[in-house]
C-alpha atoms as a PDB file:
ATOM      1  CA  MET A   1     -71.108-117.017 -46.982  1.00  0.00           C
ATOM      2  CA  SER A   2     -74.751-116.615 -47.897  1.00  0.00           C
ATOM      3  CA  ASP A   3     -77.550-118.443 -46.096  1.00  0.00           C
ATOM      4  CA  ALA A   4     -78.322-120.439 -49.259  1.00  0.00           C
ATOM      5  CA  ALA A   5     -74.742-121.764 -49.416  1.00  0.00           C
ATOM      6  CA  ALA A   6     -74.970-123.052 -45.825  1.00  0.00           C
ATOM      7  CA  VAL A   7     -78.053-125.203 -46.451  1.00  0.00           C
ATOM      8  CA  ILE A   8     -77.304-128.898 -46.192  1.00  0.00           C
ATOM      9  CA  GLU A   9     -79.812-131.323 -47.636  1.00  0.00           C
ATOM     10  CA  VAL A  10     -80.850-134.051 -45.205  1.00  0.00           C
ATOM     11  CA  ARG A  11     -82.274-137.150 -46.839  1.00  0.00           C
ATOM     12  CA  GLU A  12     -84.761-139.311 -44.984  1.00  0.00           C
ATOM     13  CA  PRO A  13     -83.903-143.029 -45.029  1.00  0.00           C
ATOM     14  CA  ALA A  14     -85.984-145.036 -47.483  1.00  0.00           C
ATOM     15  CA  PHE A  15     -89.118-146.712 -46.192  1.00  0.00           C
ATOM     16  CA  SER A  16     -88.638-150.307 -45.096  1.00  0.00           C
ATOM     17  CA  ARG A  17     -90.603-152.610 -42.830  1.00  0.00           C
ATOM     18  CA  ARG A  18     -90.749-156.244 -41.826  1.00  0.00           C
ATOM     19  CA  PHE A  19     -91.680-158.535 -44.671  1.00  0.00           C
ATOM     20  CA  GLU A  20     -95.209-160.001 -44.499  1.00  0.00           C
ATOM     21  CA  LEU A  21     -96.575-163.145 -46.131  1.00  0.00           C
ATOM     22  CA  ALA A  22     -98.715-161.008 -48.440  1.00  0.00           C
ATOM     23  CA  ASP A  23     -95.519-159.435 -49.817  1.00  0.00           C
ATOM     24  CA  LEU A  24     -94.660-162.746 -51.467  1.00  0.00           C
ATOM     25  CA  SER A  25     -97.359-162.035 -54.045  1.00  0.00           C
ATOM     26  CA  GLU A  26     -95.716-158.712 -54.976  1.00  0.00           C
ATOM     27  CA  HIS A  27     -92.049-159.698 -54.708  1.00  0.00           C
ATOM     28  CA  GLY A  28     -92.457-163.446 -55.162  1.00  0.00           C
ATOM     29  CA  PRO A  29     -91.666-163.780 -58.881  1.00  0.00           C
ATOM     30  CA  TRP A  30     -88.342-161.955 -58.846  1.00  0.00           C
ATOM     31  CA  ILE A  31     -87.290-163.307 -55.427  1.00  0.00           C
ATOM     32  CA  MET A  32     -88.046-166.858 -56.584  1.00  0.00           C
ATOM     33  CA  ALA A  33     -85.952-166.293 -59.708  1.00  0.00           C
ATOM     34  CA  ARG A  34     -83.016-165.145 -57.569  1.00  0.00           C
ATOM     35  CA  PHE A  35     -83.334-168.127 -55.209  1.00  0.00           C
ATOM     36  CA  LYS A  36     -83.644-170.588 -58.109  1.00  0.00           C
ATOM     37  CA  ALA A  37     -80.488-169.180 -59.703  1.00  0.00           C
ATOM     38  CA  LYS A  38     -78.614-169.552 -56.421  1.00  0.00           C
ATOM     39  CA  PHE A  39     -80.170-172.865 -55.316  1.00  0.00           C
ATOM     40  CA  PRO A  40     -81.352-174.703 -58.449  1.00  0.00           C
ATOM     41  CA  GLU A  41     -81.878-177.914 -56.458  1.00  0.00           C
ATOM     42  CA  TYR A  42     -84.943-176.416 -54.686  1.00  0.00           C
ATOM     43  CA  ASN A  43     -88.392-176.041 -56.218  1.00  0.00           C
ATOM     44  CA  ASP A  44     -90.815-173.112 -55.841  1.00  0.00           C
ATOM     45  CA  ARG A  45     -92.742-174.744 -53.025  1.00  0.00           C
ATOM     46  CA  GLU A  46     -89.610-175.399 -50.951  1.00  0.00           C
ATOM     47  CA  ILE A  47     -88.367-171.829 -51.437  1.00  0.00           C
ATOM     48  CA  ALA A  48     -91.784-170.325 -50.589  1.00  0.00           C
ATOM     49  CA  GLY A  49     -91.958-172.530 -47.483  1.00  0.00           C
ATOM     50  CA  TYR A  50     -88.499-171.423 -46.392  1.00  0.00           C
ATOM     51  CA  LEU A  51     -89.315-167.731 -46.859  1.00  0.00           C
ATOM     52  CA  SER A  52     -92.689-167.977 -45.130  1.00  0.00           C
ATOM     53  CA  ARG A  53     -91.055-169.595 -42.071  1.00  0.00           C
ATOM     54  CA  LEU A  54     -88.695-166.613 -41.736  1.00  0.00           C
ATOM     55  CA  VAL A  55     -91.399-163.940 -41.748  1.00  0.00           C
ATOM     56  CA  TYR A  56     -92.293-164.268 -38.049  1.00  0.00           C
ATOM     57  CA  ASP A  57     -89.058-165.804 -36.748  1.00  0.00           C
ATOM     58  CA  ASN A  58     -87.451-163.606 -34.085  1.00  0.00           C
ATOM     59  CA  GLU A  59     -83.951-164.827 -34.989  1.00  0.00           C
ATOM     60  CA  HIS A  60     -84.316-163.258 -38.450  1.00  0.00           C
ATOM     61  CA  MET A  61     -85.018-159.773 -39.697  1.00  0.00           C
ATOM     62  CA  PHE A  62     -86.721-160.090 -43.060  1.00  0.00           C
ATOM     63  CA  LEU A  63     -87.292-156.637 -44.563  1.00  0.00           C
ATOM     64  CA  TYR A  64     -89.431-155.258 -47.351  1.00  0.00           C
ATOM     65  CA  GLN A  65     -89.015-152.210 -49.541  1.00  0.00           C
ATOM     66  CA  PRO A  66     -91.030-151.511 -52.683  1.00  0.00           C
ATOM     67  CA  ASN A  67     -88.013-152.511 -54.808  1.00  0.00           C
ATOM     68  CA  ALA A  68     -85.864-154.569 -52.452  1.00  0.00           C
ATOM     69  CA  VAL A  69     -85.856-157.365 -49.891  1.00  0.00           C
ATOM     70  CA  ALA A  70     -83.310-158.187 -47.231  1.00  0.00           C
ATOM     71  CA  LEU A  71     -82.646-160.866 -44.668  1.00  0.00           C
ATOM     72  CA  ALA A  72     -80.347-160.863 -41.643  1.00  0.00           C
ATOM     73  CA  GLN A  73     -79.978-163.524 -38.970  1.00  0.00           C
ATOM     74  CA  ILE A  74     -78.787-163.639 -35.387  1.00  0.00           C
ATOM     75  CA  VAL A  75     -75.863-166.048 -35.102  1.00  0.00           C
ATOM     76  CA  HIS A  76     -74.557-167.317 -31.768  1.00  0.00           C
ATOM     77  CA  ALA A  77     -70.800-167.773 -32.004  1.00  0.00           C
ATOM     78  CA  PRO A  78     -69.403-170.151 -29.406  1.00  0.00           C
ATOM     79  CA  HIS A  79     -66.573-168.743 -27.379  1.00  0.00           C
ATOM     80  CA  ILE A  80     -65.608-168.665 -23.713  1.00  0.00           C
ATOM     81  CA  ARG A  81     -68.463-166.217 -23.498  1.00  0.00           C
ATOM     82  CA  MET A  82     -71.220-166.774 -26.077  1.00  0.00           C
ATOM     83  CA  THR A  83     -71.057-163.969 -28.647  1.00  0.00           C
ATOM     84  CA  LYS A  84     -74.036-162.781 -30.620  1.00  0.00           C
ATOM     85  CA  LEU A  85     -73.556-161.618 -34.216  1.00  0.00           C
ATOM     86  CA  VAL A  86     -75.998-160.402 -36.819  1.00  0.00           C
ATOM     87  CA  GLN A  87     -75.180-161.705 -40.279  1.00  0.00           C
ATOM     88  CA  GLU A  88     -76.619-160.480 -43.539  1.00  0.00           C
ATOM     89  CA  ARG A  89     -78.024-163.336 -45.613  1.00  0.00           C
ATOM     90  CA  PHE A  90     -79.003-161.193 -48.584  1.00  0.00           C
ATOM     91  CA  VAL A  91     -79.963-157.702 -49.671  1.00  0.00           C
ATOM     92  CA  TRP A  92     -81.465-157.871 -53.137  1.00  0.00           C
ATOM     93  CA  VAL A  93     -82.997-155.213 -55.349  1.00  0.00           C
ATOM     94  CA  LYS A  94     -85.501-155.785 -58.111  1.00  0.00           C
ATOM     95  CA  ASP A  95     -83.401-153.922 -60.695  1.00  0.00           C
ATOM     96  CA  ARG A  96     -79.672-154.056 -59.965  1.00  0.00           C
ATOM     97  CA  ALA A  97     -78.954-151.400 -62.600  1.00  0.00           C
ATOM     98  CA  ASN A  98     -81.299-148.851 -60.985  1.00  0.00           C
ATOM     99  CA  LYS A  99     -79.281-146.441 -58.823  1.00  0.00           C
ATOM    100  CA  ASN A 100     -82.408-145.340 -56.917  1.00  0.00           C
ATOM    101  CA  HIS A 101     -83.183-148.949 -55.964  1.00  0.00           C
ATOM    102  CA  LEU A 102     -79.605-149.414 -54.740  1.00  0.00           C
ATOM    103  CA  GLU A 103     -79.589-146.148 -52.805  1.00  0.00           C
ATOM    104  CA  ALA A 104     -82.862-147.035 -51.062  1.00  0.00           C
ATOM    105  CA  ALA A 105     -81.704-150.585 -50.340  1.00  0.00           C
ATOM    106  CA  ALA A 106     -78.547-149.226 -48.702  1.00  0.00           C
ATOM    107  CA  ASP A 107     -80.792-147.752 -46.008  1.00  0.00           C
ATOM    108  CA  ILE A 108     -81.713-151.301 -44.989  1.00  0.00           C
ATOM    109  CA  TYR A 109     -78.310-151.482 -43.339  1.00  0.00           C
ATOM    110  CA  LEU A 110     -79.433-148.779 -40.906  1.00  0.00           C
ATOM    111  CA  LYS A 111     -82.295-151.091 -39.859  1.00  0.00           C
ATOM    112  CA  PHE A 112     -79.907-154.045 -39.569  1.00  0.00           C
ATOM    113  CA  HIS A 113     -77.553-151.931 -37.437  1.00  0.00           C
ATOM    114  CA  SER A 114     -80.335-150.769 -35.139  1.00  0.00           C
ATOM    115  CA  TRP A 115     -81.661-154.324 -34.772  1.00  0.00           C
ATOM    116  CA  ALA A 116     -78.163-155.700 -34.053  1.00  0.00           C
ATOM    117  CA  LYS A 117     -77.657-153.055 -31.375  1.00  0.00           C
ATOM    118  CA  GLY A 118     -80.992-153.938 -29.789  1.00  0.00           C
ATOM    119  CA  GLN A 119     -79.970-157.598 -29.782  1.00  0.00           C
ATOM    120  CA  GLU A 120     -76.678-156.652 -28.094  1.00  0.00           C
ATOM    121  CA  ALA A 121     -74.753-158.188 -30.974  1.00  0.00           C
ATOM    122  CA  LYS A 122     -71.008-157.578 -31.096  1.00  0.00           C
ATOM    123  CA  ARG A 123     -70.729-157.498 -34.890  1.00  0.00           C
ATOM    124  CA  LEU A 124     -72.834-156.904 -37.965  1.00  0.00           C
ATOM    125  CA  ILE A 125     -71.531-158.998 -40.833  1.00  0.00           C
ATOM    126  CA  VAL A 126     -72.315-157.409 -44.197  1.00  0.00           C
ATOM    127  CA  CYS A 127     -71.462-157.830 -47.905  1.00  0.00           C
ATOM    128  CA  GLU A 128     -72.387-161.524 -47.790  1.00  0.00           C
ATOM    129  CA  ASP A 129     -74.873-161.502 -50.681  1.00  0.00           C
ATOM    130  CA  SER A 130     -75.737-157.912 -51.443  1.00  0.00           C
ATOM    131  CA  ASP A 131     -76.611-156.023 -54.591  1.00  0.00           C
ATOM    132  CA  VAL A 132     -75.701-152.821 -52.747  1.00  0.00           C
ATOM    133  CA  PRO A 133     -72.177-151.573 -53.488  1.00  0.00           C
ATOM    134  CA  LYS A 134     -69.831-151.564 -50.512  1.00  0.00           C
ATOM    135  CA  THR A 135     -69.369-147.787 -50.795  1.00  0.00           C
ATOM    136  CA  LEU A 136     -73.103-147.223 -50.183  1.00  0.00           C
ATOM    137  CA  ILE A 137     -73.047-149.582 -47.201  1.00  0.00           C
ATOM    138  CA  GLU A 138     -70.049-147.712 -45.761  1.00  0.00           C
ATOM    139  CA  ALA A 139     -71.895-144.425 -46.238  1.00  0.00           C
ATOM    140  CA  ARG A 140     -74.576-145.782 -43.865  1.00  0.00           C
ATOM    141  CA  LEU A 141     -72.484-147.734 -41.350  1.00  0.00           C
ATOM    142  CA  GLY A 142     -69.105-146.052 -41.420  1.00  0.00           C
ATOM    143  CA  ARG A 143     -65.827-147.849 -41.999  1.00  0.00           C
ATOM    144  CA  LEU A 144     -66.200-151.554 -42.739  1.00  0.00           C
ATOM    145  CA  LEU A 145     -63.567-153.982 -41.526  1.00  0.00           C
ATOM    146  CA  ASP A 146     -62.563-156.925 -43.686  1.00  0.00           C
ATOM    147  CA  SER A 147     -61.606-160.264 -42.186  1.00  0.00           C
ATOM    148  CA  LYS A 148     -60.434-163.459 -43.780  1.00  0.00           C
ATOM    149  CA  ILE A 149     -62.104-166.752 -42.991  1.00  0.00           C
ATOM    150  CA  THR A 150     -60.256-169.926 -43.858  1.00  0.00           C
ATOM    151  CA  HIS A 151     -62.411-173.021 -44.195  1.00  0.00           C
ATOM    152  CA  ALA A 152     -62.442-176.535 -45.621  1.00  0.00           C
ATOM    153  CA  ARG A 153     -65.300-178.132 -47.524  1.00  0.00           C
ATOM    154  CA  ILE A 154     -66.909-181.121 -45.886  1.00  0.00           C
END
């Protein structure tokens, strides 16, 4: 085997950082459109207020990428012993048809995983509201386990 055949390309994870209030001006229009489609009962001011409250909240990890945004939240599940979970709220990309945007956004799950570990969470719940295909998430996190939740509307 030649030396050239043994070279394995190592890709650096895409740049992502905590979302800042100033990022609303860059991402605001397309994020607002996504929120309005999902929650038509809320107006722009209510959505902007909600997002701005999450920016510096330690119970949330709100992340920025040039073409994506993501939000995860610490959830305390009552049990005999309180269990901490990290639950994805959304991982959205600006252009869902752009494979590069999706590939970069998949790297957000590495940040979520690292944060969940640092929080001593027992589970990272993913695929809740994500534009990223499950196969790309699995490529970052390893095997994903599916569970079924049965619930009643109230």
